[in-house]
Amino acid sequence: MKMVDVGEKSKTERVAVAKGRVRMSNAALTAIRDRTVEKGDVLAAARVAAIMGAKRTPDLVPLCHPIGLSGVEVDLSAGSVGVDIKVTVKTVDRTGVEMEALTCVAVAGLALVDMVKAIDPAAEITDVRVEEKRGGKTGLWQREA
């Protein structure tokens, strides 16, 4: 194993968009919407956790380069079957931010599950995936619908 050498690459703007979902019961969703979860504001906690996860990605993924993040946007929306998570992570660096975006989604999901586990112990994280990446020599990549 080795960390890939990116020293010869140019610094360019790079963006990754990732999504996921936490499926949960109607009771848990109602508690989130009504802000009656005992631990507090579920969506605020998940948003902060997501950003912290993006910043700590190289500590969690062994061969991931530590890079400076220039922005992290976290969109959480309570839907009909759970909370949908969409993140956009940006950098100006020599390597992409796909792993940071995926970690961001996963950690948001973990925080959501932790916040509602007393209401719904069956809550589950699903569909974590990169939807789009931009920048670098490969340019734009988008998941096909």
Protein backbone atom coordinates (compact mmCIF):
# COMPACT_ATOMS: atom_id res chain seq x y z
CA MET A 1 0.00 0.00 0.00
CA LYS A 2 1.02 3.56 -0.54
CA MET A 3 -0.38 7.05 -0.56
CA VAL A 4 -0.50 8.24 -4.16
CA ASP A 5 2.02 11.00 -4.92
CA VAL A 6 0.10 14.10 -6.02
CA GLY A 7 3.07 16.46 -5.79
CA GLU A 8 3.30 17.02 -9.55
CA LYS A 9 -0.40 17.84 -9.95
CA SER A 10 -1.59 21.41 -10.22
CA LYS A 11 -3.80 22.94 -7.57
CA THR A 12 -7.26 23.41 -9.06
CA GLU A 13 -10.74 23.89 -7.69
CA ARG A 14 -12.31 20.53 -6.96
CA VAL A 15 -15.87 19.83 -5.89
CA ALA A 16 -17.67 16.66 -4.85
CA VAL A 17 -21.38 16.18 -4.21
CA ALA A 18 -22.54 13.16 -2.23
CA LYS A 19 -25.91 12.00 -0.98
CA GLY A 20 -27.39 9.52 1.44
CA ARG A 21 -30.47 8.91 3.53
CA VAL A 22 -31.39 7.82 7.00
CA ARG A 23 -34.59 5.77 6.86
CA MET A 24 -36.62 5.95 10.04
CA SER A 25 -40.09 5.54 11.46
CA ASN A 26 -42.86 8.11 11.15
CA ALA A 27 -42.61 8.65 14.90
CA ALA A 28 -38.95 9.64 14.60
CA LEU A 29 -39.64 11.92 11.63
CA THR A 30 -42.49 13.59 13.47
CA ALA A 31 -40.27 14.16 16.51
CA ILE A 32 -37.63 15.77 14.28
CA ARG A 33 -40.18 18.02 12.57
CA ASP A 34 -41.82 18.96 15.89
CA ARG A 35 -38.41 19.46 17.56
CA THR A 36 -39.37 17.14 20.40
CA VAL A 37 -36.36 14.81 20.31
CA GLU A 38 -35.00 14.72 23.86
CA LYS A 39 -31.38 15.29 22.78
CA GLY A 40 -32.24 18.56 21.02
CA ASP A 41 -32.12 19.90 17.47
CA VAL A 42 -31.46 16.79 15.40
CA LEU A 43 -30.77 18.50 12.09
CA ALA A 44 -28.41 21.07 13.63
CA ALA A 45 -26.43 18.33 15.38
CA ALA A 46 -26.20 16.28 12.17
CA ARG A 47 -25.09 19.33 10.17
CA VAL A 48 -22.24 20.12 12.58
CA ALA A 49 -21.25 16.44 12.79
CA ALA A 50 -21.11 16.26 8.98
CA ILE A 51 -18.76 19.22 8.73
CA MET A 52 -16.56 17.81 11.48
CA GLY A 53 -16.48 14.48 9.63
CA ALA A 54 -15.34 16.12 6.39
CA LYS A 55 -12.54 17.89 8.26
CA ARG A 56 -11.37 14.64 9.92
CA THR A 57 -11.48 12.36 6.86
CA PRO A 58 -7.69 11.80 6.64
CA ASP A 59 -7.75 10.63 10.27
CA LEU A 60 -10.34 7.97 9.39
CA VAL A 61 -9.37 6.83 5.87
CA PRO A 62 -5.78 5.56 5.97
CA LEU A 63 -4.50 6.60 2.52
CA CYS A 64 -6.51 9.81 2.15
CA HIS A 65 -4.47 13.00 1.73
CA PRO A 66 -5.00 15.78 4.27
CA ILE A 67 -6.22 18.75 2.25
CA GLY A 68 -7.54 22.18 3.02
CA LEU A 69 -11.28 22.42 2.56
CA SER A 70 -12.56 25.71 1.21
CA GLY A 71 -16.24 24.94 1.81
CA VAL A 72 -18.69 22.36 3.08
CA GLU A 73 -22.44 22.70 2.52
CA VAL A 74 -24.82 20.29 4.21
CA ASP A 75 -28.47 20.06 3.18
CA LEU A 76 -30.73 17.93 5.37
CA SER A 77 -34.41 17.49 4.59
CA ALA A 78 -37.01 15.39 6.34
CA GLY A 79 -38.87 13.49 3.63
CA SER A 80 -41.55 10.82 3.68
CA VAL A 81 -39.33 7.88 4.70
CA GLY A 82 -36.43 9.57 6.45
CA VAL A 83 -33.93 12.39 6.30
CA ASP A 84 -32.22 13.00 2.98
CA ILE A 85 -28.61 14.19 3.16
CA LYS A 86 -26.84 16.11 0.40
CA VAL A 87 -23.39 17.61 0.81
CA THR A 88 -21.11 19.67 -1.38
CA VAL A 89 -17.44 19.79 -0.45
CA LYS A 90 -14.93 22.15 -2.13
CA THR A 91 -11.18 22.61 -2.15
CA VAL A 92 -8.43 24.19 -4.20
CA ASP A 93 -5.82 21.47 -4.05
CA ARG A 94 -4.02 18.66 -5.90
CA THR A 95 -6.53 15.91 -5.19
CA GLY A 96 -10.30 15.54 -5.06
CA VAL A 97 -12.73 15.67 -2.16
CA GLU A 98 -14.86 12.60 -2.85
CA MET A 99 -13.78 10.87 0.35
CA GLU A 100 -14.50 14.01 2.38
CA ALA A 101 -17.97 14.23 0.84
CA LEU A 102 -18.72 10.57 1.54
CA THR A 103 -17.45 10.87 5.11
CA CYS A 104 -19.54 13.99 5.55
CA VAL A 105 -22.71 12.10 4.53
CA ALA A 106 -21.86 9.04 6.62
CA VAL A 107 -21.14 11.06 9.77
CA ALA A 108 -24.33 13.09 9.31
CA GLY A 109 -26.16 9.77 9.09
CA LEU A 110 -24.50 8.47 12.23
CA ALA A 111 -25.47 11.62 14.12
CA LEU A 112 -29.07 11.32 12.91
CA VAL A 113 -29.27 7.68 14.00
CA ASP A 114 -27.77 8.56 17.38
CA MET A 115 -30.28 11.36 17.92
CA VAL A 116 -33.36 9.21 17.14
CA LYS A 117 -32.28 5.76 18.32
CA ALA A 118 -34.45 5.97 21.45
CA ILE A 119 -37.50 6.57 19.25
CA ASP A 120 -36.51 4.24 16.41
CA PRO A 121 -33.80 1.67 17.09
CA ALA A 122 -34.23 0.40 13.50
CA ALA A 123 -33.19 3.69 11.85
CA GLU A 124 -30.67 2.94 9.10
CA ILE A 125 -28.20 4.76 6.87
CA THR A 126 -28.69 3.99 3.18
CA ASP A 127 -27.65 4.99 -0.32
CA VAL A 128 -24.39 6.79 0.54
CA ARG A 129 -22.73 7.64 -2.76
CA VAL A 130 -20.92 10.27 -4.80
CA GLU A 131 -23.29 11.96 -7.24
CA GLU A 132 -20.88 14.35 -8.92
CA LYS A 133 -17.28 15.47 -8.95
CA ARG A 134 -15.65 18.38 -10.73
CA GLY A 135 -12.10 19.56 -11.24
CA GLY A 136 -8.69 18.09 -11.84
CA LYS A 137 -7.67 16.49 -15.10
CA THR A 138 -10.81 14.32 -15.36
CA GLY A 139 -13.12 17.35 -15.29
CA LEU A 140 -16.81 16.68 -14.66
CA TRP A 141 -18.23 13.29 -13.67
CA GLN A 142 -21.90 12.79 -12.84
CA ARG A 143 -23.75 9.67 -11.76
CA GLU A 144 -26.19 8.56 -14.42
CA ALA A 145 -29.86 8.76 -13.45
